[in-house]
PDB file of all heavy atoms in Angstrom:
ATOM      1  N   PHE A   1       0.857  -1.187   0.000  1.00  0.00           N
ATOM      2  CA  PHE A   1       0.000   0.000   0.000  1.00  0.00           C
ATOM      3  C   PHE A   1       0.890   1.233   0.000  1.00  0.00           C
ATOM      4  O   PHE A   1       2.076   1.160   0.306  1.00  0.00           O
ATOM      5  CB  PHE A   1      -1.000   0.029   1.169  1.00  0.00           C
ATOM      6  CG  PHE A   1      -0.412  -0.192   2.540  1.00  0.00           C
ATOM      7  CD1 PHE A   1       0.230   0.838   3.225  1.00  0.00           C
ATOM      8  CD2 PHE A   1      -0.534  -1.430   3.165  1.00  0.00           C
ATOM      9  CE1 PHE A   1       0.748   0.637   4.502  1.00  0.00           C
ATOM     10  CE2 PHE A   1      -0.016  -1.641   4.435  1.00  0.00           C
ATOM     11  CZ  PHE A   1       0.627  -0.605   5.102  1.00  0.00           C
ATOM     12  N   ARG A   2       0.275   2.348  -0.420  1.00  0.00           N
ATOM     13  CA  ARG A   2       0.998   3.623  -0.431  1.00  0.00           C
ATOM     14  C   ARG A   2       0.499   4.467   0.725  1.00  0.00           C
ATOM     15  O   ARG A   2      -0.699   4.649   0.896  1.00  0.00           O
ATOM     16  CB  ARG A   2       0.754   4.362  -1.753  1.00  0.00           C
ATOM     17  CG  ARG A   2       1.405   5.753  -1.785  1.00  0.00           C
ATOM     18  CD  ARG A   2       1.108   6.494  -3.075  1.00  0.00           C
ATOM     19  NE  ARG A   2       1.825   5.936  -4.195  1.00  0.00           N
ATOM     20  CZ  ARG A   2       3.116   6.198  -4.462  1.00  0.00           C
ATOM     21  NH1 ARG A   2       3.816   7.000  -3.680  1.00  0.00           N
ATOM     22  NH2 ARG A   2       3.689   5.668  -5.515  1.00  0.00           N
ATOM     23  N   LEU A   3       1.430   4.948   1.533  1.00  0.00           N
ATOM     24  CA  LEU A   3       1.080   5.849   2.632  1.00  0.00           C
ATOM     25  C   LEU A   3       1.221   7.286   2.156  1.00  0.00           C
ATOM     26  O   LEU A   3       2.163   7.614   1.446  1.00  0.00           O
ATOM     27  CB  LEU A   3       2.033   5.626   3.812  1.00  0.00           C
ATOM     28  CG  LEU A   3       1.819   4.300   4.535  1.00  0.00           C
ATOM     29  CD1 LEU A   3       3.032   3.981   5.390  1.00  0.00           C
ATOM     30  CD2 LEU A   3       0.558   4.351   5.377  1.00  0.00           C
ATOM     31  N   MET A   4       0.263   8.120   2.552  1.00  0.00           N
ATOM     32  CA  MET A   4       0.313   9.547   2.224  1.00  0.00           C
ATOM     33  C   MET A   4       0.216  10.326   3.526  1.00  0.00           C
ATOM     34  O   MET A   4      -0.504   9.918   4.429  1.00  0.00           O
ATOM     35  CB  MET A   4      -0.888   9.949   1.356  1.00  0.00           C
ATOM     36  CG  MET A   4      -1.179   9.032   0.208  1.00  0.00           C
ATOM     37  SD  MET A   4      -0.245   9.419  -1.258  1.00  0.00           S
ATOM     38  CE  MET A   4      -0.997  10.959  -1.755  1.00  0.00           C
ATOM     39  N   TRP A   5       0.910  11.452   3.594  1.00  0.00           N
ATOM     40  CA  TRP A   5       0.808  12.292   4.781  1.00  0.00           C
ATOM     41  C   TRP A   5       1.040  13.745   4.394  1.00  0.00           C
ATOM     42  O   TRP A   5       1.614  14.038   3.343  1.00  0.00           O
ATOM     43  CB  TRP A   5       1.791  11.826   5.869  1.00  0.00           C
ATOM     44  CG  TRP A   5       3.243  11.868   5.473  1.00  0.00           C
ATOM     45  CD1 TRP A   5       4.097  12.929   5.564  1.00  0.00           C
ATOM     46  CD2 TRP A   5       4.019  10.790   4.923  1.00  0.00           C
ATOM     47  NE1 TRP A   5       5.336  12.576   5.109  1.00  0.00           N
ATOM     48  CE2 TRP A   5       5.326  11.273   4.720  1.00  0.00           C
ATOM     49  CE3 TRP A   5       3.727   9.453   4.589  1.00  0.00           C
ATOM     50  CZ2 TRP A   5       6.347  10.482   4.186  1.00  0.00           C
ATOM     51  CZ3 TRP A   5       4.738   8.678   4.069  1.00  0.00           C
ATOM     52  CH2 TRP A   5       6.033   9.184   3.873  1.00  0.00           C
ATOM     53  N   PRO A   6       0.590  14.687   5.256  1.00  0.00           N
ATOM     54  CA  PRO A   6       0.799  16.107   4.930  1.00  0.00           C
ATOM     55  C   PRO A   6       2.275  16.485   5.039  1.00  0.00           C
ATOM     56  O   PRO A   6       3.039  15.825   5.743  1.00  0.00           O
ATOM     57  CB  PRO A   6      -0.044  16.840   5.974  1.00  0.00           C
ATOM     58  CG  PRO A   6      -0.264  15.866   7.073  1.00  0.00           C
ATOM     59  CD  PRO A   6      -0.181  14.491   6.490  1.00  0.00           C
ATOM     60  N   GLN A   7       2.643  17.530   4.341  1.00  0.00           N
ATOM     61  CA  GLN A   7       4.029  18.011   4.383  1.00  0.00           C
ATOM     62  C   GLN A   7       4.262  18.672   5.743  1.00  0.00           C
ATOM     63  O   GLN A   7       3.742  19.747   6.023  1.00  0.00           O
ATOM     64  CB  GLN A   7       4.220  19.053   3.271  1.00  0.00           C
ATOM     65  CG  GLN A   7       5.575  19.721   3.279  1.00  0.00           C
ATOM     66  CD  GLN A   7       6.527  19.106   2.263  1.00  0.00           C
ATOM     67  OE1 GLN A   7       6.180  18.923   1.114  1.00  0.00           O
ATOM     68  NE2 GLN A   7       7.720  18.801   2.703  1.00  0.00           N
ATOM     69  N   LEU A   8       5.025  17.992   6.611  1.00  0.00           N
ATOM     70  CA  LEU A   8       5.307  18.546   7.939  1.00  0.00           C
ATOM     71  C   LEU A   8       6.720  19.098   7.989  1.00  0.00           C
ATOM     72  O   LEU A   8       6.989  20.090   8.653  1.00  0.00           O
ATOM     73  CB  LEU A   8       5.158  17.455   9.010  1.00  0.00           C
ATOM     74  CG  LEU A   8       3.786  16.794   9.112  1.00  0.00           C
ATOM     75  CD1 LEU A   8       3.828  15.637  10.080  1.00  0.00           C
ATOM     76  CD2 LEU A   8       2.744  17.810   9.541  1.00  0.00           C
ATOM     77  N   LEU A   9       7.615  18.407   7.282  1.00  0.00           N
ATOM     78  CA  LEU A   9       9.030  18.778   7.311  1.00  0.00           C
ATOM     79  C   LEU A   9       9.452  19.206   5.919  1.00  0.00           C
ATOM     80  O   LEU A   9       8.690  19.117   4.971  1.00  0.00           O
ATOM     81  CB  LEU A   9       9.878  17.558   7.726  1.00  0.00           C
ATOM     82  CG  LEU A   9       9.482  16.843   9.013  1.00  0.00           C
ATOM     83  CD1 LEU A   9      10.300  15.576   9.171  1.00  0.00           C
ATOM     84  CD2 LEU A   9       9.693  17.749  10.210  1.00  0.00           C
ATOM     85  N   SER A  10      10.691  19.635   5.795  1.00  0.00           N
ATOM     86  CA  SER A  10      11.267  19.850   4.468  1.00  0.00           C
ATOM     87  C   SER A  10      12.594  19.110   4.446  1.00  0.00           C
ATOM     88  O   SER A  10      13.024  18.558   5.459  1.00  0.00           O
ATOM     89  CB  SER A  10      11.490  21.343   4.209  1.00  0.00           C
ATOM     90  OG  SER A  10      12.526  21.798   5.061  1.00  0.00           O
ATOM     91  N   GLN A  11      13.243  19.106   3.294  1.00  0.00           N
ATOM     92  CA  GLN A  11      14.535  18.437   3.146  1.00  0.00           C
ATOM     93  C   GLN A  11      15.500  18.910   4.239  1.00  0.00           C
ATOM     94  O   GLN A  11      16.283  18.144   4.768  1.00  0.00           O
ATOM     95  CB  GLN A  11      15.106  18.798   1.762  1.00  0.00           C
ATOM     96  CG  GLN A  11      16.311  17.988   1.352  1.00  0.00           C
ATOM     97  CD  GLN A  11      15.939  16.624   0.787  1.00  0.00           C
ATOM     98  OE1 GLN A  11      15.044  16.519  -0.019  1.00  0.00           O
ATOM     99  NE2 GLN A  11      16.621  15.602   1.245  1.00  0.00           N
ATOM    100  N   GLU A  12      15.417  20.189   4.617  1.00  0.00           N
ATOM    101  CA  GLU A  12      16.382  20.788   5.543  1.00  0.00           C
ATOM    102  C   GLU A  12      16.018  20.556   7.008  1.00  0.00           C
ATOM    103  O   GLU A  12      16.900  20.561   7.864  1.00  0.00           O
ATOM    104  CB  GLU A  12      16.471  22.315   5.322  1.00  0.00           C
ATOM    105  CG  GLU A  12      17.094  22.741   4.010  1.00  0.00           C
ATOM    106  CD  GLU A  12      16.171  22.533   2.809  1.00  0.00           C
ATOM    107  OE1 GLU A  12      15.003  22.953   2.881  1.00  0.00           O
ATOM    108  OE2 GLU A  12      16.623  21.931   1.816  1.00  0.00           O
ATOM    109  N   THR A  13      14.708  20.408   7.295  1.00  0.00           N
ATOM    110  CA  THR A  13      14.321  20.447   8.707  1.00  0.00           C
ATOM    111  C   THR A  13      14.214  19.084   9.367  1.00  0.00           C
ATOM    112  O   THR A  13      13.804  18.996  10.518  1.00  0.00           O
ATOM    113  CB  THR A  13      12.977  21.178   8.886  1.00  0.00           C
ATOM    114  OG1 THR A  13      11.986  20.503   8.106  1.00  0.00           O
ATOM    115  CG2 THR A  13      13.072  22.620   8.459  1.00  0.00           C
ATOM    116  N   GLY A  14      14.533  18.002   8.651  1.00  0.00           N
ATOM    117  CA  GLY A  14      14.498  16.716   9.334  1.00  0.00           C
ATOM    118  C   GLY A  14      14.135  15.583   8.411  1.00  0.00           C
ATOM    119  O   GLY A  14      14.188  15.698   7.194  1.00  0.00           O
ATOM    120  N   TYR A  15      13.741  14.470   9.007  1.00  0.00           N
ATOM    121  CA  TYR A  15      13.375  13.275   8.246  1.00  0.00           C
ATOM    122  C   TYR A  15      12.264  12.560   8.999  1.00  0.00           C
ATOM    123  O   TYR A  15      11.923  12.928  10.127  1.00  0.00           O
ATOM    124  CB  TYR A  15      14.603  12.354   8.053  1.00  0.00           C
ATOM    125  CG  TYR A  15      15.193  11.831   9.337  1.00  0.00           C
ATOM    126  CD1 TYR A  15      14.780  10.598   9.868  1.00  0.00           C
ATOM    127  CD2 TYR A  15      16.145  12.562  10.049  1.00  0.00           C
ATOM    128  CE1 TYR A  15      15.303  10.121  11.061  1.00  0.00           C
ATOM    129  CE2 TYR A  15      16.670  12.091  11.237  1.00  0.00           C
ATOM    130  CZ  TYR A  15      16.245  10.871  11.739  1.00  0.00           C
ATOM    131  OH  TYR A  15      16.757  10.400  12.914  1.00  0.00           O
ATOM    132  N   TYR A  16      11.695  11.550   8.346  1.00  0.00           N
ATOM    133  CA  TYR A  16      10.644  10.753   8.974  1.00  0.00           C
ATOM    134  C   TYR A  16      11.156   9.352   9.267  1.00  0.00           C
ATOM    135  O   TYR A  16      11.880   8.784   8.461  1.00  0.00           O
ATOM    136  CB  TYR A  16       9.439  10.602   8.041  1.00  0.00           C
ATOM    137  CG  TYR A  16       8.781  11.903   7.663  1.00  0.00           C
ATOM    138  CD1 TYR A  16       9.057  12.501   6.436  1.00  0.00           C
ATOM    139  CD2 TYR A  16       7.868  12.517   8.511  1.00  0.00           C
ATOM    140  CE1 TYR A  16       8.436  13.686   6.067  1.00  0.00           C
ATOM    141  CE2 TYR A  16       7.245  13.706   8.154  1.00  0.00           C
ATOM    142  CZ  TYR A  16       7.534  14.293   6.926  1.00  0.00           C
ATOM    143  OH  TYR A  16       6.928  15.459   6.576  1.00  0.00           O
ATOM    144  N   THR A  17      10.761   8.836  10.427  1.00  0.00           N
ATOM    145  CA  THR A  17      10.963   7.413  10.693  1.00  0.00           C
ATOM    146  C   THR A  17       9.593   6.764  10.584  1.00  0.00           C
ATOM    147  O   THR A  17       8.621   7.230  11.187  1.00  0.00           O
ATOM    148  CB  THR A  17      11.535   7.184  12.104  1.00  0.00           C
ATOM    149  OG1 THR A  17      12.802   7.822  12.175  1.00  0.00           O
ATOM    150  CG2 THR A  17      11.707   5.688  12.375  1.00  0.00           C
ATOM    151  N   LEU A  18       9.535   5.710   9.787  1.00  0.00           N
ATOM    152  CA  LEU A  18       8.281   5.009   9.587  1.00  0.00           C
ATOM    153  C   LEU A  18       8.417   3.620  10.187  1.00  0.00           C
ATOM    154  O   LEU A  18       9.359   2.901   9.875  1.00  0.00           O
ATOM    155  CB  LEU A  18       8.010   4.906   8.088  1.00  0.00           C
ATOM    156  CG  LEU A  18       6.615   4.437   7.746  1.00  0.00           C
ATOM    157  CD1 LEU A  18       5.663   5.607   7.811  1.00  0.00           C
ATOM    158  CD2 LEU A  18       6.603   3.840   6.366  1.00  0.00           C
ATOM    159  N   GLU A  19       7.494   3.278  11.073  1.00  0.00           N
ATOM    160  CA  GLU A  19       7.511   1.948  11.691  1.00  0.00           C
ATOM    161  C   GLU A  19       6.215   1.249  11.328  1.00  0.00           C
ATOM    162  O   GLU A  19       5.151   1.854  11.367  1.00  0.00           O
ATOM    163  CB  GLU A  19       7.593   2.062  13.214  1.00  0.00           C
ATOM    164  CG  GLU A  19       8.855   2.749  13.683  1.00  0.00           C
ATOM    165  CD  GLU A  19       8.921   2.884  15.202  1.00  0.00           C
ATOM    166  OE1 GLU A  19       7.875   2.733  15.876  1.00  0.00           O
ATOM    167  OE2 GLU A  19      10.028   3.160  15.685  1.00  0.00           O
ATOM    168  N   TYR A  20       6.323  -0.035  10.967  1.00  0.00           N
ATOM    169  CA  TYR A  20       5.096  -0.774  10.668  1.00  0.00           C
ATOM    170  C   TYR A  20       5.265  -2.233  11.051  1.00  0.00           C
ATOM    171  O   TYR A  20       6.358  -2.781  11.003  1.00  0.00           O
ATOM    172  CB  TYR A  20       4.706  -0.637   9.194  1.00  0.00           C
ATOM    173  CG  TYR A  20       5.717  -1.143   8.199  1.00  0.00           C
ATOM    174  CD1 TYR A  20       5.553  -2.365   7.555  1.00  0.00           C
ATOM    175  CD2 TYR A  20       6.855  -0.392   7.886  1.00  0.00           C
ATOM    176  CE1 TYR A  20       6.485  -2.826   6.633  1.00  0.00           C
ATOM    177  CE2 TYR A  20       7.789  -0.847   6.970  1.00  0.00           C
ATOM    178  CZ  TYR A  20       7.587  -2.070   6.347  1.00  0.00           C
ATOM    179  OH  TYR A  20       8.513  -2.528   5.438  1.00  0.00           O
ATOM    180  N   ALA A  21       4.147  -2.819  11.486  1.00  0.00           N
ATOM    181  CA  ALA A  21       4.159  -4.217  11.927  1.00  0.00           C
ATOM    182  C   ALA A  21       2.739  -4.753  11.866  1.00  0.00           C
ATOM    183  O   ALA A  21       1.780  -3.992  12.021  1.00  0.00           O
ATOM    184  CB  ALA A  21       4.683  -4.316  13.357  1.00  0.00           C
ATOM    185  N   PRO A  22       2.593  -6.079  11.650  1.00  0.00           N
ATOM    186  CA  PRO A  22       1.247  -6.675  11.733  1.00  0.00           C
ATOM    187  C   PRO A  22       0.708  -6.490  13.153  1.00  0.00           C
ATOM    188  O   PRO A  22       1.452  -6.686  14.115  1.00  0.00           O
ATOM    189  CB  PRO A  22       1.486  -8.163  11.430  1.00  0.00           C
ATOM    190  CG  PRO A  22       2.863  -8.247  10.843  1.00  0.00           C
ATOM    191  CD  PRO A  22       3.624  -7.076  11.356  1.00  0.00           C
ATOM    192  N   THR A  23      -0.562  -6.111  13.301  1.00  0.00           N
ATOM    193  CA  THR A  23      -1.113  -5.837  14.636  1.00  0.00           C
ATOM    194  C   THR A  23      -1.064  -7.069  15.532  1.00  0.00           C
ATOM    195  O   THR A  23      -0.988  -6.944  16.740  1.00  0.00           O
ATOM    196  CB  THR A  23      -2.572  -5.359  14.561  1.00  0.00           C
ATOM    197  OG1 THR A  23      -3.272  -6.230  13.678  1.00  0.00           O
ATOM    198  CG2 THR A  23      -2.679  -3.959  14.054  1.00  0.00           C
ATOM    199  N   ASP A  24      -1.101  -8.268  14.931  1.00  0.00           N
ATOM    200  CA  ASP A  24      -1.091  -9.471  15.777  1.00  0.00           C
ATOM    201  C   ASP A  24       0.330  -9.960  16.053  1.00  0.00           C
ATOM    202  O   ASP A  24       0.523 -11.002  16.661  1.00  0.00           O
ATOM    203  CB  ASP A  24      -1.935 -10.581  15.146  1.00  0.00           C
ATOM    204  CG  ASP A  24      -1.431 -10.931  13.749  1.00  0.00           C
ATOM    205  OD1 ASP A  24      -0.433 -10.338  13.299  1.00  0.00           O
ATOM    206  OD2 ASP A  24      -2.048 -11.801  13.108  1.00  0.00           O
ATOM    207  N   ASP A  25       1.343  -9.225  15.583  1.00  0.00           N
ATOM    208  CA  ASP A  25       2.722  -9.643  15.814  1.00  0.00           C
ATOM    209  C   ASP A  25       3.626  -8.405  15.779  1.00  0.00           C
ATOM    210  O   ASP A  25       4.457  -8.242  14.888  1.00  0.00           O
ATOM    211  CB  ASP A  25       3.138 -10.649  14.720  1.00  0.00           C
ATOM    212  CG  ASP A  25       4.484 -11.295  15.034  1.00  0.00           C
ATOM    213  OD1 ASP A  25       5.064 -10.976  16.092  1.00  0.00           O
ATOM    214  OD2 ASP A  25       4.954 -12.101  14.211  1.00  0.00           O
ATOM    215  N   LEU A  26       3.430  -7.538  16.778  1.00  0.00           N
ATOM    216  CA  LEU A  26       4.142  -6.247  16.775  1.00  0.00           C
ATOM    217  C   LEU A  26       5.652  -6.413  16.924  1.00  0.00           C
ATOM    218  O   LEU A  26       6.415  -5.505  16.643  1.00  0.00           O
ATOM    219  CB  LEU A  26       3.578  -5.337  17.869  1.00  0.00           C
ATOM    220  CG  LEU A  26       2.122  -4.913  17.602  1.00  0.00           C
ATOM    221  CD1 LEU A  26       1.560  -4.151  18.790  1.00  0.00           C
ATOM    222  CD2 LEU A  26       2.014  -4.073  16.348  1.00  0.00           C
ATOM    223  N   ALA A  27       6.086  -7.607  17.356  1.00  0.00           N
ATOM    224  CA  ALA A  27       7.527  -7.855  17.465  1.00  0.00           C
ATOM    225  C   ALA A  27       8.203  -7.865  16.090  1.00  0.00           C
ATOM    226  O   ALA A  27       9.403  -7.672  15.989  1.00  0.00           O
ATOM    227  CB  ALA A  27       7.772  -9.189  18.169  1.00  0.00           C
ATOM    228  N   ARG A  28       7.397  -8.094  15.031  1.00  0.00           N
ATOM    229  CA  ARG A  28       7.984  -8.130  13.692  1.00  0.00           C
ATOM    230  C   ARG A  28       8.019  -6.725  13.081  1.00  0.00           C
ATOM    231  O   ARG A  28       7.815  -6.552  11.894  1.00  0.00           O
ATOM    232  CB  ARG A  28       7.182  -9.066  12.782  1.00  0.00           C
ATOM    233  CG  ARG A  28       7.337 -10.508  13.218  1.00  0.00           C
ATOM    234  CD  ARG A  28       7.020 -11.556  12.166  1.00  0.00           C
ATOM    235  NE  ARG A  28       6.761 -11.110  10.819  1.00  0.00           N
ATOM    236  CZ  ARG A  28       5.621 -11.335  10.189  1.00  0.00           C
ATOM    237  NH1 ARG A  28       4.626 -11.947  10.777  1.00  0.00           N
ATOM    238  NH2 ARG A  28       5.473 -10.949   8.944  1.00  0.00           N
TER     239      ARG A  28
END
């Protein structure tokens, strides 16, 4: 799937960390 989000940062002001896991196995 494609995730979309509003522009919060710019190239200069930081980066995003994206975390994802199956809800029934958050250890993965």
